[in-house]
Amino acid sequence: MSDHNRPQPPPVADHWPEQPAPRWAMQATSAFKPLRYPLISLAAHGVEWQGPQGAVRTPAERTLTFASGLPFTAAGRPYLSLQQLSAQRKPGLPSGWYLDCYGRVVYRYVERFSCFDDCDGRSESRYYRWYFLFEQGRLTRIQHTDGTAPITVTEDAAFLEDACLDAMREDGCPHCL
């Protein structure tokens, strides 16, 4: 299929959508496991969702891997590139919060690739990148490490990297308890 015949996402909204208080809020649990990606392994805590009338939902995680540079699907929508996940940044919101190409709010967390000495630090230009979509008591995590092939998409994530959770809280995540 040629590019001009491929379905294109709708244009990005020109304003931040009004966000009512979330019905579901994410809370870290005492569960722990390492999450492994190409070139990195990180500590992560389990999450559960607190909902209306005291309801608690435990996520049912599903992970898919996509080749870098090719279209992928996350939270039920197709993306042509990672850039479509942080298509628009608006002033006045905490750093890290964006709108994707569909107008959905996305949290982006970026961490510099590990450097072991000054020489590494001067020549290293790679980053670890995470994108998070929150929808109806579900968290979709998209992870990519610069210079590696796969894009890892975890739908309904049951574990969240500690550094990402801490950054979300610092940046005012309305979904975090």
C-alpha atoms as a PDB file:
ATOM      1  CA  MET A   1       0.000   0.000   0.000  1.00  0.00           C
ATOM      2  CA  SER A   2       1.489   3.365  -0.943  1.00  0.00           C
ATOM      3  CA  ASP A   3       1.892   6.033   1.752  1.00  0.00           C
ATOM      4  CA  HIS A   4      -0.747   8.326   0.266  1.00  0.00           C
ATOM      5  CA  ASN A   5      -3.343   5.515   0.453  1.00  0.00           C
ATOM      6  CA  ARG A   6      -2.435   4.508   4.019  1.00  0.00           C
ATOM      7  CA  PRO A   7      -4.965   5.743   6.603  1.00  0.00           C
ATOM      8  CA  GLN A   8      -3.686   8.826   8.375  1.00  0.00           C
ATOM      9  CA  PRO A   9      -4.456   9.717  11.991  1.00  0.00           C
ATOM     10  CA  PRO A  10      -6.728  12.687  12.588  1.00  0.00           C
ATOM     11  CA  PRO A  11      -5.070  16.072  13.115  1.00  0.00           C
ATOM     12  CA  VAL A  12      -3.928  16.881  16.639  1.00  0.00           C
ATOM     13  CA  ALA A  13      -6.376  18.907  18.689  1.00  0.00           C
ATOM     14  CA  ASP A  14      -5.396  22.556  19.089  1.00  0.00           C
ATOM     15  CA  HIS A  15      -6.183  22.532  22.825  1.00  0.00           C
ATOM     16  CA  TRP A  16      -5.752  20.259  25.817  1.00  0.00           C
ATOM     17  CA  PRO A  17      -8.910  18.272  26.412  1.00  0.00           C
ATOM     18  CA  GLU A  18     -10.730  19.066  29.630  1.00  0.00           C
ATOM     19  CA  GLN A  19      -9.865  16.223  31.980  1.00  0.00           C
ATOM     20  CA  PRO A  20     -12.357  15.357  34.729  1.00  0.00           C
ATOM     21  CA  ALA A  21     -10.958  13.611  37.767  1.00  0.00           C
ATOM     22  CA  PRO A  22     -10.142  10.037  36.738  1.00  0.00           C
ATOM     23  CA  ARG A  23     -12.634   7.365  37.816  1.00  0.00           C
ATOM     24  CA  TRP A  24      -9.758   4.940  38.275  1.00  0.00           C
ATOM     25  CA  ALA A  25      -6.479   5.746  40.047  1.00  0.00           C
ATOM     26  CA  MET A  26      -3.279   3.701  39.847  1.00  0.00           C
ATOM     27  CA  GLN A  27      -1.562   2.617  43.042  1.00  0.00           C
ATOM     28  CA  ALA A  28       1.759   0.822  43.495  1.00  0.00           C
ATOM     29  CA  THR A  29       1.615  -2.508  45.328  1.00  0.00           C
ATOM     30  CA  SER A  30       4.261  -4.440  47.230  1.00  0.00           C
ATOM     31  CA  ALA A  31       4.751  -6.839  44.286  1.00  0.00           C
ATOM     32  CA  PHE A  32       8.191  -6.479  42.686  1.00  0.00           C
ATOM     33  CA  LYS A  33      10.001  -7.797  39.636  1.00  0.00           C
ATOM     34  CA  PRO A  34      12.730  -6.677  37.241  1.00  0.00           C
ATOM     35  CA  LEU A  35      11.595  -5.553  33.787  1.00  0.00           C
ATOM     36  CA  ARG A  36      14.014  -6.501  31.022  1.00  0.00           C
ATOM     37  CA  TYR A  37      14.445  -4.622  27.756  1.00  0.00           C
ATOM     38  CA  PRO A  38      17.281  -4.627  25.231  1.00  0.00           C
ATOM     39  CA  LEU A  39      20.385  -3.319  27.037  1.00  0.00           C
ATOM     40  CA  ILE A  40      18.620  -2.561  30.362  1.00  0.00           C
ATOM     41  CA  SER A  41      16.885  -4.216  33.302  1.00  0.00           C
ATOM     42  CA  LEU A  42      14.976  -2.078  35.816  1.00  0.00           C
ATOM     43  CA  ALA A  43      13.249  -2.505  39.157  1.00  0.00           C
ATOM     44  CA  ALA A  44       9.461  -2.311  38.930  1.00  0.00           C
ATOM     45  CA  HIS A  45       6.555  -2.464  41.337  1.00  0.00           C
ATOM     46  CA  GLY A  46       3.168  -3.956  40.686  1.00  0.00           C
ATOM     47  CA  VAL A  47       0.209  -1.654  40.152  1.00  0.00           C
ATOM     48  CA  GLU A  48      -3.479  -2.000  40.760  1.00  0.00           C
ATOM     49  CA  TRP A  49      -6.372   0.304  39.976  1.00  0.00           C
ATOM     50  CA  GLN A  50      -8.656   1.794  42.634  1.00  0.00           C
ATOM     51  CA  GLY A  51     -12.097   2.548  41.228  1.00  0.00           C
ATOM     52  CA  PRO A  52     -15.568   3.714  42.115  1.00  0.00           C
ATOM     53  CA  GLN A  53     -17.192   2.339  45.282  1.00  0.00           C
ATOM     54  CA  GLY A  54     -13.888   0.809  46.415  1.00  0.00           C
ATOM     55  CA  ALA A  55     -13.498  -1.451  43.383  1.00  0.00           C
ATOM     56  CA  VAL A  56      -9.964  -2.785  42.835  1.00  0.00           C
ATOM     57  CA  ARG A  57      -8.768  -4.054  39.455  1.00  0.00           C
ATOM     58  CA  THR A  58      -5.584  -6.055  38.871  1.00  0.00           C
ATOM     59  CA  PRO A  59      -4.164  -5.576  35.359  1.00  0.00           C
ATOM     60  CA  ALA A  60      -3.886  -8.481  32.902  1.00  0.00           C
ATOM     61  CA  GLU A  61      -0.637  -7.621  31.136  1.00  0.00           C
ATOM     62  CA  ARG A  62       0.007  -8.435  27.462  1.00  0.00           C
ATOM     63  CA  THR A  63       3.295  -7.518  25.771  1.00  0.00           C
ATOM     64  CA  LEU A  64       3.929  -7.202  22.037  1.00  0.00           C
ATOM     65  CA  THR A  65       7.168  -6.396  20.227  1.00  0.00           C
ATOM     66  CA  PHE A  66       7.314  -4.391  16.996  1.00  0.00           C
ATOM     67  CA  ALA A  67      10.260  -3.688  14.706  1.00  0.00           C
ATOM     68  CA  SER A  68      11.596  -0.149  15.027  1.00  0.00           C
ATOM     69  CA  GLY A  69      10.766   2.107  12.097  1.00  0.00           C
ATOM     70  CA  LEU A  70       7.572   0.216  11.240  1.00  0.00           C
ATOM     71  CA  PRO A  71       3.981   0.983  12.285  1.00  0.00           C
ATOM     72  CA  PHE A  72       2.852  -0.360  15.653  1.00  0.00           C
ATOM     73  CA  THR A  73      -0.344  -0.443  17.697  1.00  0.00           C
ATOM     74  CA  ALA A  74      -0.768   0.859  21.250  1.00  0.00           C
ATOM     75  CA  ALA A  75      -3.943   1.300  23.308  1.00  0.00           C
ATOM     76  CA  GLY A  76      -6.038   0.282  20.323  1.00  0.00           C
ATOM     77  CA  ARG A  77      -4.639   2.823  17.851  1.00  0.00           C
ATOM     78  CA  PRO A  78      -2.067   2.523  15.049  1.00  0.00           C
ATOM     79  CA  TYR A  79       1.061   4.697  15.086  1.00  0.00           C
ATOM     80  CA  LEU A  80       3.461   5.216  12.213  1.00  0.00           C
ATOM     81  CA  SER A  81       6.332   6.322  14.490  1.00  0.00           C
ATOM     82  CA  LEU A  82       7.225   7.033  18.120  1.00  0.00           C
ATOM     83  CA  GLN A  83       7.048  10.759  17.353  1.00  0.00           C
ATOM     84  CA  GLN A  84       3.275  10.448  16.983  1.00  0.00           C
ATOM     85  CA  LEU A  85       3.091   9.605  20.709  1.00  0.00           C
ATOM     86  CA  SER A  86       4.360  13.064  21.684  1.00  0.00           C
ATOM     87  CA  ALA A  87       2.991  15.040  18.754  1.00  0.00           C
ATOM     88  CA  GLN A  88       2.099  18.199  20.665  1.00  0.00           C
ATOM     89  CA  ARG A  89       3.406  19.891  23.802  1.00  0.00           C
ATOM     90  CA  LYS A  90       1.434  22.679  25.413  1.00  0.00           C
ATOM     91  CA  PRO A  91       2.902  25.345  27.708  1.00  0.00           C
ATOM     92  CA  GLY A  92       1.607  25.435  31.261  1.00  0.00           C
ATOM     93  CA  LEU A  93       1.530  21.700  31.871  1.00  0.00           C
ATOM     94  CA  PRO A  94       4.247  19.872  33.793  1.00  0.00           C
ATOM     95  CA  SER A  95       7.104  18.534  31.728  1.00  0.00           C
ATOM     96  CA  GLY A  96       6.582  15.100  30.298  1.00  0.00           C
ATOM     97  CA  TRP A  97       2.888  15.490  29.369  1.00  0.00           C
ATOM     98  CA  TYR A  98       1.941  15.558  25.672  1.00  0.00           C
ATOM     99  CA  LEU A  99      -0.909  14.905  23.276  1.00  0.00           C
ATOM    100  CA  ASP A 100      -0.522  12.071  20.795  1.00  0.00           C
ATOM    101  CA  CYS A 101      -1.617  12.369  17.167  1.00  0.00           C
ATOM    102  CA  TYR A 102      -5.162  11.370  18.219  1.00  0.00           C
ATOM    103  CA  GLY A 103      -5.418  14.022  20.942  1.00  0.00           C
ATOM    104  CA  ARG A 104      -4.947  11.550  23.824  1.00  0.00           C
ATOM    105  CA  VAL A 105      -2.819  12.573  26.811  1.00  0.00           C
ATOM    106  CA  VAL A 106       0.537  10.754  26.970  1.00  0.00           C
ATOM    107  CA  TYR A 107       3.255  10.835  29.617  1.00  0.00           C
ATOM    108  CA  ARG A 108       6.797  10.623  28.213  1.00  0.00           C
ATOM    109  CA  TYR A 109       9.818   9.704  30.324  1.00  0.00           C
ATOM    110  CA  VAL A 110      13.331   9.836  28.865  1.00  0.00           C
ATOM    111  CA  GLU A 111      16.530   8.659  30.553  1.00  0.00           C
ATOM    112  CA  ARG A 112      20.044   8.956  29.169  1.00  0.00           C
ATOM    113  CA  PHE A 113      21.758   5.721  28.186  1.00  0.00           C
ATOM    114  CA  SER A 114      24.133   4.452  30.901  1.00  0.00           C
ATOM    115  CA  CYS A 115      27.659   5.872  30.729  1.00  0.00           C
ATOM    116  CA  PHE A 116      30.530   4.243  32.563  1.00  0.00           C
ATOM    117  CA  ASP A 117      33.250   6.885  32.233  1.00  0.00           C
ATOM    118  CA  ASP A 118      33.893  10.394  30.844  1.00  0.00           C
ATOM    119  CA  CYS A 119      34.694   9.018  27.400  1.00  0.00           C
ATOM    120  CA  ASP A 120      31.289   7.298  27.251  1.00  0.00           C
ATOM    121  CA  GLY A 121      29.621  10.486  28.441  1.00  0.00           C
ATOM    122  CA  ARG A 122      31.137  12.564  25.645  1.00  0.00           C
ATOM    123  CA  SER A 123      30.273  10.153  22.852  1.00  0.00           C
ATOM    124  CA  GLU A 124      26.963   8.603  24.008  1.00  0.00           C
ATOM    125  CA  SER A 125      23.831  10.011  22.383  1.00  0.00           C
ATOM    126  CA  ARG A 126      21.320   7.202  23.015  1.00  0.00           C
ATOM    127  CA  TYR A 127      18.338   7.381  25.347  1.00  0.00           C
ATOM    128  CA  TYR A 128      15.829   5.020  26.906  1.00  0.00           C
ATOM    129  CA  ARG A 129      12.293   6.233  26.081  1.00  0.00           C
ATOM    130  CA  TRP A 130       8.968   5.369  27.690  1.00  0.00           C
ATOM    131  CA  TYR A 131       5.510   6.569  26.703  1.00  0.00           C
ATOM    132  CA  PHE A 132       2.438   5.924  28.875  1.00  0.00           C
ATOM    133  CA  LEU A 133      -1.225   6.125  27.888  1.00  0.00           C
ATOM    134  CA  PHE A 134      -3.854   6.053  30.639  1.00  0.00           C
ATOM    135  CA  GLU A 135      -7.366   5.075  29.581  1.00  0.00           C
ATOM    136  CA  GLN A 136     -10.297   3.829  31.665  1.00  0.00           C
ATOM    137  CA  GLY A 137      -8.241   2.236  34.405  1.00  0.00           C
ATOM    138  CA  ARG A 138      -5.636   0.770  32.064  1.00  0.00           C
ATOM    139  CA  LEU A 139      -2.022   1.717  31.474  1.00  0.00           C
ATOM    140  CA  THR A 140      -0.308   1.110  28.128  1.00  0.00           C
ATOM    141  CA  ARG A 141       3.507   1.351  28.223  1.00  0.00           C
ATOM    142  CA  ILE A 142       5.600   1.817  25.072  1.00  0.00           C
ATOM    143  CA  GLN A 143       9.365   1.407  25.542  1.00  0.00           C
ATOM    144  CA  HIS A 144      12.208   1.896  23.094  1.00  0.00           C
ATOM    145  CA  THR A 145      15.967   2.197  23.492  1.00  0.00           C
ATOM    146  CA  ASP A 146      17.712   4.309  20.848  1.00  0.00           C
ATOM    147  CA  GLY A 147      19.899   2.211  18.580  1.00  0.00           C
ATOM    148  CA  THR A 148      17.981  -1.035  19.153  1.00  0.00           C
ATOM    149  CA  ALA A 149      15.416  -2.631  16.908  1.00  0.00           C
ATOM    150  CA  PRO A 150      12.327  -3.408  18.971  1.00  0.00           C
ATOM    151  CA  ILE A 151       9.521  -1.241  20.287  1.00  0.00           C
ATOM    152  CA  THR A 152       7.950  -2.989  23.270  1.00  0.00           C
ATOM    153  CA  VAL A 153       4.250  -2.305  23.869  1.00  0.00           C
ATOM    154  CA  THR A 154       2.677  -3.560  27.092  1.00  0.00           C
ATOM    155  CA  GLU A 155      -1.091  -3.276  27.203  1.00  0.00           C
ATOM    156  CA  ASP A 156      -2.745  -3.126  30.648  1.00  0.00           C
ATOM    157  CA  ALA A 157       0.679  -3.030  32.343  1.00  0.00           C
ATOM    158  CA  ALA A 158       0.775  -4.836  35.695  1.00  0.00           C
ATOM    159  CA  PHE A 159       4.255  -3.543  36.627  1.00  0.00           C
ATOM    160  CA  LEU A 160       5.728  -0.056  36.342  1.00  0.00           C
ATOM    161  CA  GLU A 161       9.385   0.946  36.484  1.00  0.00           C
ATOM    162  CA  ASP A 162      10.166   2.704  39.775  1.00  0.00           C
ATOM    163  CA  ALA A 163      11.918   5.647  38.074  1.00  0.00           C
ATOM    164  CA  CYS A 164       8.959   6.188  35.733  1.00  0.00           C
ATOM    165  CA  LEU A 165       6.433   6.057  38.578  1.00  0.00           C
ATOM    166  CA  ASP A 166       8.480   8.526  40.648  1.00  0.00           C
ATOM    167  CA  ALA A 167       8.743  10.917  37.682  1.00  0.00           C
ATOM    168  CA  MET A 168       4.994  10.651  36.976  1.00  0.00           C
ATOM    169  CA  ARG A 169       4.203  11.562  40.573  1.00  0.00           C
ATOM    170  CA  GLU A 170       6.641  14.503  40.496  1.00  0.00           C
ATOM    171  CA  ASP A 171       5.051  15.735  37.260  1.00  0.00           C
ATOM    172  CA  GLY A 172       1.556  15.726  38.766  1.00  0.00           C
ATOM    173  CA  CYS A 173       0.061  12.525  37.358  1.00  0.00           C
ATOM    174  CA  PRO A 174      -3.699  12.704  38.010  1.00  0.00           C
ATOM    175  CA  HIS A 175      -3.895   8.888  37.743  1.00  0.00           C
ATOM    176  CA  CYS A 176      -1.385   8.126  40.525  1.00  0.00           C
ATOM    177  CA  LEU A 177      -2.270   7.652  44.201  1.00  0.00           C
END
